[in-house]
Structure formats: structure tokens, C-alpha cells
Protein backbone atom coordinates (compact mmCIF):
# COMPACT_ATOMS: atom_id res chain seq x y z
CA MET A 1 -31.84 -4.74 -33.89
CA ASP A 2 -35.47 -3.62 -34.23
CA GLY A 3 -35.31 -4.39 -37.95
CA MET A 4 -32.42 -1.98 -38.52
CA ASP A 5 -28.73 -2.43 -39.25
CA GLN A 6 -26.93 -1.27 -36.10
CA SER A 7 -23.25 -1.63 -36.89
CA ALA A 8 -20.79 -2.44 -39.63
CA VAL A 9 -17.27 -3.46 -38.63
CA ASP A 10 -14.29 -4.35 -40.81
CA LEU A 11 -12.06 -6.43 -38.57
CA GLU A 12 -9.17 -6.12 -41.03
CA ASP A 13 -9.48 -2.33 -41.26
CA PRO A 14 -11.13 -0.59 -38.28
CA THR A 15 -10.69 2.78 -40.01
CA ARG A 16 -13.25 1.78 -42.66
CA LEU A 17 -16.55 3.31 -41.53
CA VAL A 18 -19.37 1.99 -43.70
CA PHE A 19 -22.40 4.02 -42.62
CA ASP A 20 -22.30 7.59 -43.91
CA TYR A 21 -23.22 9.28 -40.63
CA VAL A 22 -20.59 7.22 -38.78
CA ARG A 23 -18.01 8.34 -41.34
CA ARG A 24 -19.01 11.96 -40.64
CA ILE A 25 -18.50 11.41 -36.91
CA GLY A 26 -15.12 9.92 -37.79
CA ASP A 27 -14.32 13.15 -39.65
CA LEU A 28 -15.13 15.10 -36.49
CA VAL A 29 -12.78 12.87 -34.50
CA ASP A 30 -10.06 13.44 -37.08
CA ALA A 31 -10.49 17.23 -36.82
CA LEU A 32 -9.73 17.26 -33.08
CA PRO A 33 -6.21 18.09 -31.86
CA ALA A 34 -3.64 15.35 -32.42
CA GLY A 35 -2.95 12.74 -29.78
CA PRO A 36 -4.85 10.33 -27.54
CA LEU A 37 -8.39 11.20 -26.51
CA ARG A 38 -10.59 10.47 -23.53
CA VAL A 39 -13.89 9.39 -25.05
CA LEU A 40 -17.26 8.44 -23.61
CA HIS A 41 -19.54 6.54 -26.01
CA VAL A 42 -23.22 6.47 -25.12
CA GLY A 43 -24.22 3.42 -27.15
CA GLY A 44 -21.71 1.04 -28.66
CA ALA A 45 -23.32 -1.92 -30.47
CA ALA A 46 -20.42 -3.58 -32.35
CA MET A 47 -18.05 -0.75 -31.34
CA SER A 48 -17.39 0.74 -34.78
CA LEU A 49 -16.39 4.17 -33.46
CA PRO A 50 -14.45 2.95 -30.40
CA ARG A 51 -12.40 0.72 -32.73
CA TYR A 52 -11.85 3.68 -35.06
CA VAL A 53 -10.60 5.89 -32.24
CA ALA A 54 -8.34 3.09 -30.94
CA ALA A 55 -6.82 2.67 -34.41
CA THR A 56 -6.39 6.36 -35.25
CA ARG A 57 -5.62 7.65 -31.74
CA PRO A 58 -3.44 5.04 -29.99
CA ARG A 59 -3.40 5.13 -26.19
CA SER A 60 -6.86 6.71 -26.06
CA ALA A 61 -8.94 5.87 -22.97
CA GLN A 62 -12.50 5.00 -23.94
CA ILE A 63 -15.63 4.12 -21.99
CA VAL A 64 -18.64 2.57 -23.74
CA LEU A 65 -22.07 2.57 -22.12
CA GLU A 66 -24.00 -0.25 -23.80
CA PRO A 67 -26.97 -1.84 -22.02
CA ALA A 68 -27.68 -4.57 -24.61
CA ALA A 69 -25.79 -7.39 -22.91
CA ASP A 70 -26.67 -9.89 -25.65
CA ILE A 71 -25.07 -7.65 -28.27
CA VAL A 72 -21.96 -7.16 -26.15
CA ASP A 73 -21.64 -10.92 -25.63
CA ARG A 74 -22.02 -11.55 -29.35
CA VAL A 75 -19.40 -8.93 -30.20
CA ARG A 76 -16.96 -10.45 -27.75
CA ALA A 77 -17.51 -13.89 -29.29
CA GLU A 78 -17.60 -13.00 -33.00
CA ALA A 79 -15.76 -9.68 -33.32
CA PRO A 80 -13.61 -9.27 -30.21
CA LEU A 81 -11.93 -5.97 -29.47
CA PRO A 82 -8.17 -5.80 -30.02
CA ALA A 83 -5.94 -6.54 -27.07
CA ARG A 84 -4.93 -3.46 -25.07
CA SER A 85 -7.41 -1.35 -27.04
CA GLY A 86 -8.11 0.95 -24.10
CA ILE A 87 -11.86 0.35 -24.57
CA LYS A 88 -13.87 -0.43 -21.44
CA VAL A 89 -17.47 -1.56 -21.93
CA ARG A 90 -19.94 -0.97 -19.13
CA PRO A 91 -23.27 -2.87 -19.36
CA VAL A 92 -25.43 0.08 -18.36
CA ASP A 93 -27.73 2.51 -20.13
CA GLY A 94 -26.56 6.00 -20.96
CA GLU A 95 -28.81 7.74 -18.48
CA SER A 96 -27.56 5.91 -15.39
CA GLY A 97 -24.06 5.17 -16.69
CA ILE A 98 -23.04 8.80 -17.15
CA LEU A 99 -23.67 9.45 -13.46
CA ALA A 100 -20.60 7.36 -12.61
CA VAL A 101 -18.31 9.32 -14.96
CA ARG A 102 -16.07 11.89 -13.27
CA ASP A 103 -16.43 15.64 -13.79
CA ASP A 104 -14.24 17.24 -16.49
CA SER A 105 -12.86 13.82 -17.47
CA GLN A 106 -13.76 13.45 -21.16
CA ASP A 107 -12.47 15.18 -24.28
CA LEU A 108 -15.28 13.79 -26.41
CA VAL A 109 -18.75 12.38 -25.77
CA ILE A 110 -20.46 10.52 -28.62
CA LEU A 111 -24.18 9.76 -28.42
CA ASP A 112 -25.20 7.01 -30.85
CA ALA A 113 -27.82 4.95 -29.05
CA PHE A 114 -31.07 3.40 -30.22
CA GLU A 115 -34.09 1.81 -28.55
CA ASP A 116 -36.95 0.51 -30.67
CA GLY A 117 -35.36 2.12 -33.70
CA VAL A 118 -35.06 5.64 -32.27
CA VAL A 119 -32.71 7.57 -30.01
CA PRO A 120 -34.13 7.41 -26.46
CA VAL A 121 -35.78 10.70 -25.54
CA SER A 122 -34.14 10.55 -22.10
CA LEU A 123 -30.73 11.00 -23.77
CA THR A 124 -31.66 14.19 -25.60
CA THR A 125 -33.14 16.28 -22.77
CA ALA A 126 -31.67 19.44 -21.27
CA ALA A 127 -31.03 17.46 -18.07
CA TYR A 128 -28.95 14.90 -19.96
CA VAL A 129 -27.06 17.63 -21.81
CA GLU A 130 -26.20 19.08 -18.38
CA GLN A 131 -24.67 15.72 -17.44
CA VAL A 132 -22.67 15.72 -20.66
CA GLY A 133 -21.45 19.23 -19.88
CA ARG A 134 -20.41 18.05 -16.42
CA VAL A 135 -18.20 15.23 -17.70
CA LEU A 136 -16.67 17.16 -20.60
CA ALA A 137 -13.28 18.70 -19.96
CA PRO A 138 -12.73 22.34 -20.96
CA GLY A 139 -12.52 22.47 -24.74
CA GLY A 140 -14.50 19.22 -25.02
CA LEU A 141 -16.90 18.20 -27.78
CA PHE A 142 -20.32 16.53 -27.71
CA VAL A 143 -21.41 14.72 -30.89
CA ALA A 144 -24.89 13.21 -31.21
CA ASN A 145 -26.58 11.20 -33.95
CA LEU A 146 -30.32 11.89 -34.13
CA VAL A 147 -32.97 10.48 -36.48
CA ASP A 148 -35.54 13.03 -37.60
CA ARG A 149 -37.40 14.44 -40.58
CA PRO A 150 -38.81 17.90 -41.48
CA PRO A 151 -39.74 20.01 -39.62
CA TYR A 152 -37.12 18.39 -37.31
CA PRO A 153 -38.85 18.67 -33.93
CA ARG A 154 -36.30 16.48 -32.14
CA VAL A 155 -33.28 18.22 -33.65
CA ARG A 156 -34.70 21.68 -32.92
CA ALA A 157 -35.26 20.80 -29.26
CA PHE A 158 -31.80 19.24 -29.03
CA VAL A 159 -30.08 22.22 -30.65
CA ALA A 160 -31.81 24.48 -28.12
CA ALA A 161 -30.42 22.33 -25.30
CA VAL A 162 -26.82 21.98 -26.51
CA ARG A 163 -26.33 25.70 -27.16
CA ALA A 164 -25.39 25.86 -23.47
CA LEU A 165 -22.23 23.90 -24.34
CA GLY A 166 -20.91 26.39 -26.90
CA GLU A 167 -20.82 26.44 -30.69
CA VAL A 168 -23.23 24.18 -32.60
CA ALA A 169 -22.85 22.58 -36.04
CA VAL A 170 -25.26 20.21 -37.80
CA GLY A 171 -24.59 17.83 -40.67
CA ALA A 172 -27.16 15.95 -42.76
CA GLU A 173 -27.59 14.09 -46.02
CA PRO A 174 -29.48 15.97 -48.78
CA ALA A 175 -32.25 13.33 -48.87
CA THR A 176 -32.92 13.88 -45.17
CA LEU A 177 -33.12 17.64 -45.65
CA LYS A 178 -35.57 17.22 -48.52
CA GLY A 179 -37.88 15.19 -46.30
CA ARG A 180 -37.91 12.10 -48.49
CA ARG A 181 -37.42 9.89 -45.47
CA PRO A 182 -36.35 10.08 -41.82
CA GLY A 183 -32.60 10.22 -41.67
CA ASN A 184 -29.52 10.78 -39.55
CA LEU A 185 -28.55 14.28 -38.51
CA VAL A 186 -25.25 14.70 -36.65
CA VAL A 187 -25.17 17.54 -34.12
CA ALA A 188 -21.80 18.71 -32.77
CA SER A 189 -21.63 21.11 -29.84
CA GLY A 190 -19.02 22.60 -27.57
CA ALA A 191 -15.57 23.31 -28.97
CA VAL A 192 -16.48 22.41 -32.57
CA PRO A 193 -13.20 22.10 -34.50
CA ALA A 194 -12.42 23.81 -37.76
CA GLY A 195 -13.00 21.43 -40.64
CA ALA A 196 -15.67 19.52 -38.75
CA PHE A 197 -17.31 16.83 -40.92
CA GLY A 198 -14.30 16.86 -43.24
CA THR A 199 -14.58 18.63 -46.58
CA PRO A 200 -17.65 17.01 -48.15
CA SER A 201 -19.10 18.12 -51.45
CA PRO A 202 -22.33 20.13 -51.02
CA LEU A 203 -23.96 17.54 -53.29
CA GLU A 204 -23.05 14.78 -50.87
CA TYR A 205 -23.57 16.37 -47.46
CA ARG A 206 -24.80 19.62 -45.96
CA VAL A 207 -23.11 21.25 -42.99
CA PHE A 208 -24.67 24.11 -41.03
CA HIS A 209 -22.60 26.48 -38.87
CA GLY A 210 -23.35 29.62 -36.91
CA ARG A 211 -26.38 31.57 -38.08
CA ALA A 212 -27.28 28.81 -40.55
CA VAL A 213 -27.99 26.46 -37.61
CA ALA A 214 -30.49 28.95 -36.15
CA ASP A 215 -32.09 29.52 -39.55
CA ALA A 216 -32.53 25.80 -40.29
CA PHE A 217 -32.97 24.25 -36.83
CA GLY A 218 -33.81 27.10 -34.47
CA GLY A 219 -37.01 27.79 -32.58
CA GLY A 220 -37.02 24.65 -30.47
CA ARG A 221 -37.40 24.32 -26.73
CA PRO A 222 -35.14 22.04 -24.70
CA GLY A 223 -36.84 18.83 -23.66
């Protein structure tokens, strides 16, 4: 979509996450307490992460907000979801779709949505973060994929907004941090688990916690 690869799915092995940032989100999922999860996905495309959760956390209840009806139809025809996967796809955008989600009903909210090649601004505002906080259960986690480049104006504003949810951690590829190109930065907020993002080599991935988040991505104002 929009000249960009949106999803990669291995129908034989749904635990194989091809894109690096998606793999890092998978690591965050793995670090959460054992057992089924209640997950809200804002953006789904070919459902890489919902399939991953269904495979690694059986009996999980998942809601996917995906407004691109043509993509959903194509997925259902060419890469259908497993039977009894627990994944429910709602053909609505993230901004309106979250309003129908009950308070305190989700253990995890994952934002991975694109429009015209970027994450919609409406999904990164303080008002939207308030909605995420409303639907998250106590001890819940919000994970967002943002595309940005130095000096990271979008990430700084988003970090300022999600601090209201609790702890914040940010992960990014070295090339993104060096400003060679716009890239994916994964922001986790709320009850960030120990071992978030797995145990990546510093040469392969950078993870910021605590004071390091403020030093690298502080100074922003919520949108």
C-alpha cells in the first residue's frame, strides 16, 4: 500500500515475523505474563501480529480495527485466518473504532496503522492516548510503531503523551538513530515488562529505558 510493504505472513509458521520492528513487538508480547491475552490491534493489514498472538497465546481474544476493506477481503481470500483463532476484524478506523471498546477490557493495545505511508496523526494525540488508557485494564501495555527521523518530533510528542500511562521504553534500529533514513521506532508504555524487546545485541537494536528515554526523546509536547 502507498508504495510500501505492509505485511509479511508465513501461513505455515505464524510465529515467523519477517519485519524487524514487528519481531520486536513480538518480543514485547512474549515478555508479558503467561497465558491468553485480550488484545486490541489498531491496524491489521494481513494480520501478522494477531496471527502471532493466536499461535503463541492460545485462547486469546483479539479485536482488529482495520478500515481498508479491500485489504481485509484480500486477506480472507488469499490468506484466511485460522479457524477459531479468536480474532475479530472490525472494518473501522482506529479513531472511531476504539470508542466502541469497553473500559478496562484490554491487556494489550498495539498501534500499527498507516495512511499514505505514515501513522495517522489522529492516532498519536493526547486525546487518543486517553482513549487507550480507558480501554486498558490495570497492568496493561500500549505498544506503538511510529516512523520518524532525527530530531524525532513525532516520537517526542508521543512520548510526552504516553507518560500518563506509566513507564515508557523506546526501541529503534541503529540506522534510524543515526538519521540515515526515516525508520520505525517502537514505543511501549504502561506496565512495560522486564526483558521488553527481548535481549538484542546493542549492535542490532537500541533500547531506551527510564532516564535514557527523557535524554533521547524528551522535550516534546503532546499533540
